[in-house]
């Protein structure tokens, strides 16, 4: 799911039932107002909408998805979720219950209670945008470039 967007609730549903969703058929979602394709994963647990922002067509997104899914090792998964600033308690509880190694990126979280969460300085300072956004119109540094990501994945 790297470089794709799935809303928080649906992403958690996907993570809880990832093996079922991986085996499900990807379908084009015609009811969207975006310039990029949106797909749906459907299984007995529900529907997850996947925003393929970096693809020009649903066919190319689906082809890439099919190629990537065969490399998944369900015994070696790390879940990284960017919930943005001030994520609600229900999301934190649901995320904490996931069986995988994981880190949730947000702000204002009591990490003594939710040890799988990381408060990011940029969110703590009031930034509300996506981490891929550049710090300024002239800066070559994005907000996500400020973090030592390999230390998070240990």
Protein backbone atom coordinates (compact mmCIF):
# COMPACT_ATOMS: atom_id res chain seq x y z
CA UNK A 1 0.00 0.00 0.00
CA UNK A 2 3.03 2.29 -0.18
CA UNK A 3 2.21 5.52 -2.02
CA UNK A 4 -1.51 4.73 -2.02
CA UNK A 5 -4.18 6.39 0.07
CA UNK A 6 -6.77 4.50 2.11
CA UNK A 7 -8.78 6.32 4.77
CA UNK A 8 -7.99 5.40 8.38
CA UNK A 9 -11.05 3.25 9.12
CA UNK A 10 -10.75 1.28 5.90
CA UNK A 11 -6.99 0.91 6.27
CA UNK A 12 -7.49 -0.68 9.69
CA UNK A 13 -10.15 -3.00 8.26
CA UNK A 14 -7.70 -3.92 5.50
CA UNK A 15 -4.91 -4.62 8.02
CA UNK A 16 -7.14 -6.77 10.23
CA UNK A 17 -8.20 -8.91 7.26
CA UNK A 18 -5.29 -8.32 4.88
CA UNK A 19 -5.05 -11.90 3.64
CA UNK A 20 -8.73 -11.91 2.65
CA UNK A 21 -8.50 -8.49 0.99
CA UNK A 22 -5.31 -9.46 -0.90
CA UNK A 23 -7.11 -12.46 -2.38
CA UNK A 24 -10.20 -10.43 -3.29
CA UNK A 25 -10.84 -9.00 -6.73
CA UNK A 26 -9.87 -5.40 -7.37
CA UNK A 27 -12.70 -3.48 -8.98
CA UNK A 28 -12.79 -0.04 -10.51
CA UNK A 29 -14.79 2.50 -8.50
CA UNK A 30 -16.48 4.74 -11.08
CA UNK A 31 -18.01 7.06 -8.47
CA UNK A 32 -15.09 9.29 -7.66
CA UNK A 33 -14.25 12.92 -8.31
CA UNK A 34 -10.51 12.45 -8.63
CA UNK A 35 -8.19 12.70 -11.62
CA UNK A 36 -6.67 9.35 -10.67
CA UNK A 37 -8.24 5.88 -10.51
CA UNK A 38 -9.89 4.56 -7.38
CA UNK A 39 -10.36 0.86 -6.82
CA UNK A 40 -12.35 -1.21 -4.38
CA UNK A 41 -11.33 -4.35 -2.56
CA UNK A 42 -14.34 -6.40 -1.53
CA UNK A 43 -14.54 -9.43 0.72
CA UNK A 44 -16.85 -10.79 3.40
CA UNK A 45 -15.45 -8.22 5.89
CA UNK A 46 -16.40 -5.15 3.86
CA UNK A 47 -15.16 -2.78 1.19
CA UNK A 48 -11.88 -0.87 1.14
CA UNK A 49 -11.42 1.99 -1.34
CA UNK A 50 -7.87 2.38 -2.60
CA UNK A 51 -6.80 5.69 -4.13
CA UNK A 52 -4.18 5.03 -6.80
CA UNK A 53 -2.89 8.62 -6.93
CA UNK A 54 0.26 7.83 -8.90
CA UNK A 55 -1.38 5.90 -11.73
CA UNK A 56 -2.95 7.14 -14.93
CA UNK A 57 -5.32 4.21 -15.36
CA UNK A 58 -7.00 1.58 -13.24
CA UNK A 59 -5.51 -1.12 -15.48
CA UNK A 60 -1.93 -0.03 -14.71
CA UNK A 61 -2.71 0.27 -10.99
CA UNK A 62 -4.31 -3.17 -10.93
CA UNK A 63 -1.38 -4.70 -12.83
CA UNK A 64 1.11 -3.23 -10.35
CA UNK A 65 -1.03 -4.42 -7.42
CA UNK A 66 -1.09 -7.97 -8.79
CA UNK A 67 2.68 -7.94 -9.28
CA UNK A 68 3.35 -6.63 -5.77
CA UNK A 69 0.92 -8.85 -3.89
CA UNK A 70 2.82 -12.03 -4.70
CA UNK A 71 5.83 -10.66 -2.77
CA UNK A 72 3.93 -10.28 0.50
CA UNK A 73 5.21 -12.34 3.39
CA UNK A 74 2.45 -12.27 6.01
CA UNK A 75 4.95 -13.41 8.66
CA UNK A 76 7.11 -10.35 8.02
CA UNK A 77 4.89 -7.28 7.74
CA UNK A 78 5.43 -3.83 9.20
CA UNK A 79 2.45 -1.47 9.22
CA UNK A 80 3.12 2.25 9.07
CA UNK A 81 0.02 4.41 9.36
CA UNK A 82 0.01 8.19 9.11
CA UNK A 83 -3.11 9.23 10.97
CA UNK A 84 -2.25 12.90 10.99
CA UNK A 85 -2.58 15.22 13.97
CA UNK A 86 -5.00 14.56 16.82
CA UNK A 87 -6.21 11.12 15.79
CA UNK A 88 -9.26 9.90 17.69
CA UNK A 89 -9.17 7.30 20.45
CA UNK A 90 -11.09 4.66 18.46
CA UNK A 91 -8.43 4.65 15.75
CA UNK A 92 -5.69 4.32 18.38
CA UNK A 93 -7.39 1.36 20.05
CA UNK A 94 -8.06 -0.37 16.73
CA UNK A 95 -4.49 0.21 15.57
CA UNK A 96 -3.06 -1.14 18.83
CA UNK A 97 -4.99 -4.37 18.34
CA UNK A 98 -3.31 -5.18 15.00
CA UNK A 99 -1.22 -8.35 15.08
CA UNK A 100 1.64 -6.92 13.02
CA UNK A 101 4.69 -4.87 13.98
CA UNK A 102 3.49 -1.33 13.61
CA UNK A 103 3.90 2.41 14.13
CA UNK A 104 1.21 5.08 13.91
CA UNK A 105 2.36 8.63 13.14
CA UNK A 106 0.37 11.42 14.77
CA UNK A 107 0.51 13.96 17.61
CA UNK A 108 -0.84 14.43 21.10
CA UNK A 109 -0.81 10.70 21.88
CA UNK A 110 0.06 9.33 25.29
CA UNK A 111 2.80 6.95 24.19
CA UNK A 112 2.83 5.31 27.63
CA UNK A 113 -0.61 3.93 26.77
CA UNK A 114 -0.11 3.57 23.01
CA UNK A 115 3.50 2.49 22.68
CA UNK A 116 3.13 1.77 18.95
CA UNK A 117 2.59 5.47 18.25
CA UNK A 118 5.04 8.22 17.42
CA UNK A 119 4.31 11.91 17.95
CA UNK A 120 5.85 13.86 15.08
CA UNK A 121 7.31 17.29 15.79
CA UNK A 122 5.75 18.86 12.71
CA UNK A 123 2.26 17.81 13.89
CA UNK A 124 3.04 18.92 17.43
CA UNK A 125 3.90 22.37 15.99
CA UNK A 126 0.54 22.63 14.20
CA UNK A 127 1.28 21.26 10.71
CA UNK A 128 -1.85 19.58 9.32
CA UNK A 129 -0.82 18.62 5.80
CA UNK A 130 0.60 15.44 4.29
CA UNK A 131 4.16 14.48 5.24
CA UNK A 132 5.18 14.50 1.57
CA UNK A 133 4.58 18.26 1.41
CA UNK A 134 7.66 20.48 1.06
CA UNK A 135 8.46 22.72 4.03
CA UNK A 136 8.25 25.80 1.80
CA UNK A 137 7.94 26.70 -1.86
CA UNK A 138 11.74 27.02 -2.11
CA UNK A 139 12.75 24.17 0.18
CA UNK A 140 13.96 20.83 -1.20
CA UNK A 141 13.07 19.24 2.16
CA UNK A 142 9.74 17.56 2.79
CA UNK A 143 8.32 17.08 6.26
CA UNK A 144 8.95 13.33 6.01
CA UNK A 145 12.65 13.96 5.25
CA UNK A 146 13.19 15.14 8.84
CA UNK A 147 12.84 11.67 10.33
CA UNK A 148 15.25 8.76 10.55
CA UNK A 149 12.79 6.17 9.23
CA UNK A 150 15.08 3.16 9.59
CA UNK A 151 15.12 3.74 13.37
CA UNK A 152 11.31 3.52 13.39
CA UNK A 153 11.27 0.14 11.67
CA UNK A 154 13.36 -1.65 14.31
